[in-house]
Amino acid sequence: MDNFYNLNADRLFSQYQSFSFEQVHSVWLDLLPSSPGRALDIGAGSGRDAAWLADRGWQVTAVEPADDLRHRAQEFHRNENIQWMRDSLPSLTEIDNRYRFELILVSAVWMHLSPEEQQLSFDRLRQLQTSDGVLVITWRNVAGETERQFYVVDESLFDGAAIFQAEDLEKRTGIIWKTAVFR
């Protein structure tokens, strides 16, 4: 999967940067903790979300496994509040187990995880979330996808979460985005 993101890093960087944090995450923004703390941005991509949070005082750990995409993001978003890291779900082996996060954002990653990886990832994320923290997971359906591996998302994992649905910002036919927010 990383290879797709490395081979298409320039195009994807531009695509991800073309929308603001507020546009992409409008459905759950009112659930963002009012005081900044530690944030974990998994699948940080272009760094758009990490930069938005860092600019508002969050200490962000930005995890991106695709080297080319991560390097572009690091170069573009130079912010002392962002620590960049190469790691991936489900294990997140580079994340120090002593750390807990007030916000964990997993944006547009979940549908690339197999059902088993989804369960393992969910368990790992809940370990890393503070007791009063917010966990946000976004995913899209598999409509029209031919270049990347997609899996059906097991929404039963999200019992007790607030679930939101939104149309695709790029207006791609048949694509629906969902967001699960755990508090």
C-alpha atoms as a PDB file:
ATOM      1  CA  MET A   1       0.000   0.000   0.000  1.00  0.00           C
ATOM      2  CA  ASP A   2       2.835   2.401   0.838  1.00  0.00           C
ATOM      3  CA  ASN A   3       4.106   1.989  -2.721  1.00  0.00           C
ATOM      4  CA  PHE A   4       0.930   3.545  -4.183  1.00  0.00           C
ATOM      5  CA  TYR A   5       1.337   6.554  -1.901  1.00  0.00           C
ATOM      6  CA  ASN A   6       5.056   6.889  -2.679  1.00  0.00           C
ATOM      7  CA  LEU A   7       4.561   6.595  -6.449  1.00  0.00           C
ATOM      8  CA  ASN A   8       1.752   9.167  -6.360  1.00  0.00           C
ATOM      9  CA  ALA A   9       3.103  11.413  -3.607  1.00  0.00           C
ATOM     10  CA  ASP A  10       3.077  14.648  -5.634  1.00  0.00           C
ATOM     11  CA  ARG A  11      -0.480  14.190  -6.879  1.00  0.00           C
ATOM     12  CA  LEU A  12      -1.792  13.047  -3.506  1.00  0.00           C
ATOM     13  CA  PHE A  13      -0.026  15.846  -1.636  1.00  0.00           C
ATOM     14  CA  SER A  14      -1.728  18.420  -3.872  1.00  0.00           C
ATOM     15  CA  GLN A  15      -5.077  16.628  -3.629  1.00  0.00           C
ATOM     16  CA  TYR A  16      -4.993  16.496   0.180  1.00  0.00           C
ATOM     17  CA  GLN A  17      -3.837  20.100   0.513  1.00  0.00           C
ATOM     18  CA  SER A  18      -6.645  21.333  -1.753  1.00  0.00           C
ATOM     19  CA  PHE A  19      -9.167  21.082   1.100  1.00  0.00           C
ATOM     20  CA  SER A  20      -8.900  22.675   4.529  1.00  0.00           C
ATOM     21  CA  PHE A  21      -9.031  20.830   7.833  1.00  0.00           C
ATOM     22  CA  GLU A  22     -12.364  22.534   8.519  1.00  0.00           C
ATOM     23  CA  GLN A  23     -13.852  21.324   5.226  1.00  0.00           C
ATOM     24  CA  VAL A  24     -12.694  17.734   5.671  1.00  0.00           C
ATOM     25  CA  HIS A  25     -13.603  17.429   9.356  1.00  0.00           C
ATOM     26  CA  SER A  26     -16.635  19.707   9.649  1.00  0.00           C
ATOM     27  CA  VAL A  27     -18.946  16.927  10.896  1.00  0.00           C
ATOM     28  CA  TRP A  28     -17.041  16.430  14.154  1.00  0.00           C
ATOM     29  CA  LEU A  29     -15.198  19.712  14.739  1.00  0.00           C
ATOM     30  CA  ASP A  30     -17.532  20.729  17.560  1.00  0.00           C
ATOM     31  CA  LEU A  31     -16.369  17.606  19.464  1.00  0.00           C
ATOM     32  CA  LEU A  32     -12.711  18.647  19.386  1.00  0.00           C
ATOM     33  CA  PRO A  33     -11.418  19.161  22.934  1.00  0.00           C
ATOM     34  CA  SER A  34     -11.476  22.870  23.799  1.00  0.00           C
ATOM     35  CA  SER A  35      -7.944  22.890  25.226  1.00  0.00           C
ATOM     36  CA  PRO A  36      -5.023  21.643  23.150  1.00  0.00           C
ATOM     37  CA  GLY A  37      -3.073  18.654  24.386  1.00  0.00           C
ATOM     38  CA  ARG A  38      -1.332  15.714  22.750  1.00  0.00           C
ATOM     39  CA  ALA A  39      -2.671  14.611  19.363  1.00  0.00           C
ATOM     40  CA  LEU A  40      -1.869  11.535  17.306  1.00  0.00           C
ATOM     41  CA  ASP A  41      -2.502  11.894  13.560  1.00  0.00           C
ATOM     42  CA  ILE A  42      -2.312   8.453  11.951  1.00  0.00           C
ATOM     43  CA  GLY A  43      -1.974   8.405   8.187  1.00  0.00           C
ATOM     44  CA  ALA A  44      -0.902  12.042   8.295  1.00  0.00           C
ATOM     45  CA  GLY A  45      -0.537  12.196   4.501  1.00  0.00           C
ATOM     46  CA  SER A  46       0.196  15.767   3.405  1.00  0.00           C
ATOM     47  CA  GLY A  47       0.353  17.000   6.999  1.00  0.00           C
ATOM     48  CA  ARG A  48      -2.680  19.264   6.574  1.00  0.00           C
ATOM     49  CA  ASP A  49      -4.405  18.017   9.728  1.00  0.00           C
ATOM     50  CA  ALA A  50      -1.237  17.858  11.840  1.00  0.00           C
ATOM     51  CA  ALA A  51      -0.369  21.433  10.849  1.00  0.00           C
ATOM     52  CA  TRP A  52      -3.863  22.734  11.634  1.00  0.00           C
ATOM     53  CA  LEU A  53      -3.728  21.174  15.091  1.00  0.00           C
ATOM     54  CA  ALA A  54      -0.139  22.288  15.745  1.00  0.00           C
ATOM     55  CA  ASP A  55      -1.002  25.852  14.763  1.00  0.00           C
ATOM     56  CA  ARG A  56      -3.617  25.780  17.522  1.00  0.00           C
ATOM     57  CA  GLY A  57      -1.225  24.638  20.224  1.00  0.00           C
ATOM     58  CA  TRP A  58      -1.531  20.854  19.987  1.00  0.00           C
ATOM     59  CA  GLN A  59       1.606  18.731  20.378  1.00  0.00           C
ATOM     60  CA  VAL A  60       1.163  16.437  17.371  1.00  0.00           C
ATOM     61  CA  THR A  61       2.715  13.083  16.607  1.00  0.00           C
ATOM     62  CA  ALA A  62       2.183  12.694  12.853  1.00  0.00           C
ATOM     63  CA  VAL A  63       2.444   9.092  11.667  1.00  0.00           C
ATOM     64  CA  GLU A  64       2.848   8.440   7.933  1.00  0.00           C
ATOM     65  CA  PRO A  65       4.285   5.176   6.570  1.00  0.00           C
ATOM     66  CA  ALA A  66       4.823   6.408   2.977  1.00  0.00           C
ATOM     67  CA  ASP A  67       8.289   7.972   2.982  1.00  0.00           C
ATOM     68  CA  ASP A  68       7.857  10.216  -0.073  1.00  0.00           C
ATOM     69  CA  LEU A  69       4.568  11.643   1.149  1.00  0.00           C
ATOM     70  CA  ARG A  70       5.886  12.133   4.691  1.00  0.00           C
ATOM     71  CA  HIS A  71       9.009  13.931   3.435  1.00  0.00           C
ATOM     72  CA  ARG A  72       6.903  16.338   1.352  1.00  0.00           C
ATOM     73  CA  ALA A  73       4.680  17.003   4.356  1.00  0.00           C
ATOM     74  CA  GLN A  74       7.660  17.605   6.660  1.00  0.00           C
ATOM     75  CA  GLU A  75       9.192  20.033   4.191  1.00  0.00           C
ATOM     76  CA  PHE A  76       5.940  21.939   3.652  1.00  0.00           C
ATOM     77  CA  HIS A  77       4.714  22.026   7.261  1.00  0.00           C
ATOM     78  CA  ARG A  78       7.671  23.082   9.377  1.00  0.00           C
ATOM     79  CA  ASN A  79       6.269  23.362  12.873  1.00  0.00           C
ATOM     80  CA  GLU A  80       8.032  22.616  16.145  1.00  0.00           C
ATOM     81  CA  ASN A  81       4.753  21.239  17.528  1.00  0.00           C
ATOM     82  CA  ILE A  82       4.826  18.343  15.022  1.00  0.00           C
ATOM     83  CA  GLN A  83       6.922  15.227  15.525  1.00  0.00           C
ATOM     84  CA  TRP A  84       6.998  13.148  12.315  1.00  0.00           C
ATOM     85  CA  MET A  85       7.252   9.392  12.474  1.00  0.00           C
ATOM     86  CA  ARG A  86       7.272   6.410  10.126  1.00  0.00           C
ATOM     87  CA  ASP A  87       4.890   3.846  11.593  1.00  0.00           C
ATOM     88  CA  SER A  88       1.589   2.178  10.783  1.00  0.00           C
ATOM     89  CA  LEU A  89      -1.440   0.414  12.140  1.00  0.00           C
ATOM     90  CA  PRO A  90      -2.232  -2.009  13.607  1.00  0.00           C
ATOM     91  CA  SER A  91       0.814  -2.155  15.886  1.00  0.00           C
ATOM     92  CA  LEU A  92       2.188   1.418  16.003  1.00  0.00           C
ATOM     93  CA  THR A  93       5.451   0.028  17.358  1.00  0.00           C
ATOM     94  CA  GLU A  94       7.228   3.407  17.325  1.00  0.00           C
ATOM     95  CA  ILE A  95       4.702   5.066  19.656  1.00  0.00           C
ATOM     96  CA  ASP A  96       5.937   5.095  23.238  1.00  0.00           C
ATOM     97  CA  ASN A  97       3.446   3.146  25.350  1.00  0.00           C
ATOM     98  CA  ARG A  98       3.825   5.701  28.148  1.00  0.00           C
ATOM     99  CA  TYR A  99       2.132   8.350  26.001  1.00  0.00           C
ATOM    100  CA  ARG A 100      -1.610   8.929  25.952  1.00  0.00           C
ATOM    101  CA  PHE A 101      -3.376  11.284  23.583  1.00  0.00           C
ATOM    102  CA  GLU A 102      -6.309  13.648  24.106  1.00  0.00           C
ATOM    103  CA  LEU A 103      -7.034  13.420  20.373  1.00  0.00           C
ATOM    104  CA  ILE A 104      -6.391  10.523  18.017  1.00  0.00           C
ATOM    105  CA  LEU A 105      -7.253  11.160  14.376  1.00  0.00           C
ATOM    106  CA  VAL A 106      -7.289   8.288  11.891  1.00  0.00           C
ATOM    107  CA  SER A 107      -8.409   9.967   8.689  1.00  0.00           C
ATOM    108  CA  ALA A 108      -8.934   7.978   5.474  1.00  0.00           C
ATOM    109  CA  VAL A 109      -6.928   4.966   6.664  1.00  0.00           C
ATOM    110  CA  TRP A 110      -9.419   2.527   8.170  1.00  0.00           C
ATOM    111  CA  MET A 111     -10.753   1.122   4.873  1.00  0.00           C
ATOM    112  CA  HIS A 112      -7.223  -0.023   3.951  1.00  0.00           C
ATOM    113  CA  LEU A 113      -7.080  -2.335   6.981  1.00  0.00           C
ATOM    114  CA  SER A 114      -8.232  -5.949   6.825  1.00  0.00           C
ATOM    115  CA  PRO A 115     -11.000  -6.940   9.266  1.00  0.00           C
ATOM    116  CA  GLU A 116      -8.404  -8.479  11.596  1.00  0.00           C
ATOM    117  CA  GLU A 117      -6.231  -5.348  11.380  1.00  0.00           C
ATOM    118  CA  GLN A 118      -9.265  -3.186  12.120  1.00  0.00           C
ATOM    119  CA  GLN A 119      -9.858  -5.033  15.394  1.00  0.00           C
ATOM    120  CA  LEU A 120      -6.184  -4.967  16.395  1.00  0.00           C
ATOM    121  CA  SER A 121      -5.922  -1.284  15.466  1.00  0.00           C
ATOM    122  CA  PHE A 122      -9.034  -0.360  17.407  1.00  0.00           C
ATOM    123  CA  ASP A 123      -7.696  -2.071  20.525  1.00  0.00           C
ATOM    124  CA  ARG A 124      -4.317  -0.328  20.149  1.00  0.00           C
ATOM    125  CA  LEU A 125      -5.906   3.097  19.648  1.00  0.00           C
ATOM    126  CA  ARG A 126      -8.086   2.728  22.727  1.00  0.00           C
ATOM    127  CA  GLN A 127      -4.914   1.956  24.720  1.00  0.00           C
ATOM    128  CA  LEU A 128      -3.375   5.213  23.515  1.00  0.00           C
ATOM    129  CA  GLN A 129      -6.444   7.388  24.163  1.00  0.00           C
ATOM    130  CA  THR A 130      -6.714   9.293  27.443  1.00  0.00           C
ATOM    131  CA  SER A 131      -9.798   8.574  29.547  1.00  0.00           C
ATOM    132  CA  ASP A 132     -11.313  11.915  28.498  1.00  0.00           C
ATOM    133  CA  GLY A 133      -9.830  11.898  24.999  1.00  0.00           C
ATOM    134  CA  VAL A 134     -11.468  11.841  21.586  1.00  0.00           C
ATOM    135  CA  LEU A 135     -10.843   9.156  18.970  1.00  0.00           C
ATOM    136  CA  VAL A 136     -11.902  10.045  15.418  1.00  0.00           C
ATOM    137  CA  ILE A 137     -11.899   7.456  12.625  1.00  0.00           C
ATOM    138  CA  THR A 138     -12.923   8.379   9.076  1.00  0.00           C
ATOM    139  CA  TRP A 139     -13.374   6.036   6.134  1.00  0.00           C
ATOM    140  CA  ARG A 140     -15.030   5.831   2.762  1.00  0.00           C
ATOM    141  CA  ASN A 141     -16.820   3.111   0.889  1.00  0.00           C
ATOM    142  CA  VAL A 142     -14.999   1.199  -1.860  1.00  0.00           C
ATOM    143  CA  ALA A 143     -16.932   2.658  -4.812  1.00  0.00           C
ATOM    144  CA  GLY A 144     -14.868   3.242  -7.918  1.00  0.00           C
ATOM    145  CA  GLU A 145     -11.543   2.152  -6.431  1.00  0.00           C
ATOM    146  CA  THR A 146      -9.140   0.158  -8.593  1.00  0.00           C
ATOM    147  CA  GLU A 147      -5.637   1.233  -7.520  1.00  0.00           C
ATOM    148  CA  ARG A 148      -5.612   0.512  -3.792  1.00  0.00           C
ATOM    149  CA  GLN A 149      -6.673  -2.321  -1.515  1.00  0.00           C
ATOM    150  CA  PHE A 150      -9.945  -1.564   0.252  1.00  0.00           C
ATOM    151  CA  TYR A 151     -11.831  -3.624   2.821  1.00  0.00           C
ATOM    152  CA  VAL A 152     -15.342  -3.409   4.141  1.00  0.00           C
ATOM    153  CA  VAL A 153     -15.334  -1.582   7.457  1.00  0.00           C
ATOM    154  CA  ASP A 154     -16.706  -3.516  10.415  1.00  0.00           C
ATOM    155  CA  GLU A 155     -18.949  -0.847  11.894  1.00  0.00           C
ATOM    156  CA  SER A 156     -19.853  -3.095  14.841  1.00  0.00           C
ATOM    157  CA  LEU A 157     -16.517  -1.975  16.337  1.00  0.00           C
ATOM    158  CA  PHE A 158     -18.013   1.487  16.576  1.00  0.00           C
ATOM    159  CA  ASP A 159     -20.875   0.724  18.973  1.00  0.00           C
ATOM    160  CA  GLY A 160     -21.247   3.687  21.288  1.00  0.00           C
ATOM    161  CA  ALA A 161     -19.633   6.145  18.894  1.00  0.00           C
ATOM    162  CA  ALA A 162     -21.267   9.140  17.281  1.00  0.00           C
ATOM    163  CA  ILE A 163     -21.450   8.273  13.566  1.00  0.00           C
ATOM    164  CA  PHE A 164     -21.573  10.937  10.866  1.00  0.00           C
ATOM    165  CA  GLN A 165     -21.905  10.676   7.104  1.00  0.00           C
ATOM    166  CA  ALA A 166     -20.787  13.154   4.448  1.00  0.00           C
ATOM    167  CA  GLU A 167     -20.614  13.415   0.691  1.00  0.00           C
ATOM    168  CA  ASP A 168     -17.246  13.337  -1.020  1.00  0.00           C
ATOM    169  CA  LEU A 169     -15.689  16.818  -1.224  1.00  0.00           C
ATOM    170  CA  GLU A 170     -14.275  15.973  -4.648  1.00  0.00           C
ATOM    171  CA  LYS A 171     -17.777  15.048  -5.851  1.00  0.00           C
ATOM    172  CA  ARG A 172     -16.665  11.566  -6.954  1.00  0.00           C
ATOM    173  CA  THR A 173     -19.689   9.505  -7.931  1.00  0.00           C
ATOM    174  CA  GLY A 174     -20.843   6.955  -5.367  1.00  0.00           C
ATOM    175  CA  ILE A 175     -18.299   7.804  -2.689  1.00  0.00           C
ATOM    176  CA  ILE A 176     -19.636   8.353   0.822  1.00  0.00           C
ATOM    177  CA  TRP A 177     -17.470   9.245   3.812  1.00  0.00           C
ATOM    178  CA  LYS A 178     -18.253   8.173   7.368  1.00  0.00           C
ATOM    179  CA  THR A 179     -16.794   9.283  10.674  1.00  0.00           C
ATOM    180  CA  ALA A 180     -16.931   7.559  14.062  1.00  0.00           C
ATOM    181  CA  VAL A 181     -16.165   9.691  17.120  1.00  0.00           C
ATOM    182  CA  PHE A 182     -15.506   8.163  20.537  1.00  0.00           C
ATOM    183  CA  ARG A 183     -15.419  10.319  23.648  1.00  0.00           C
END
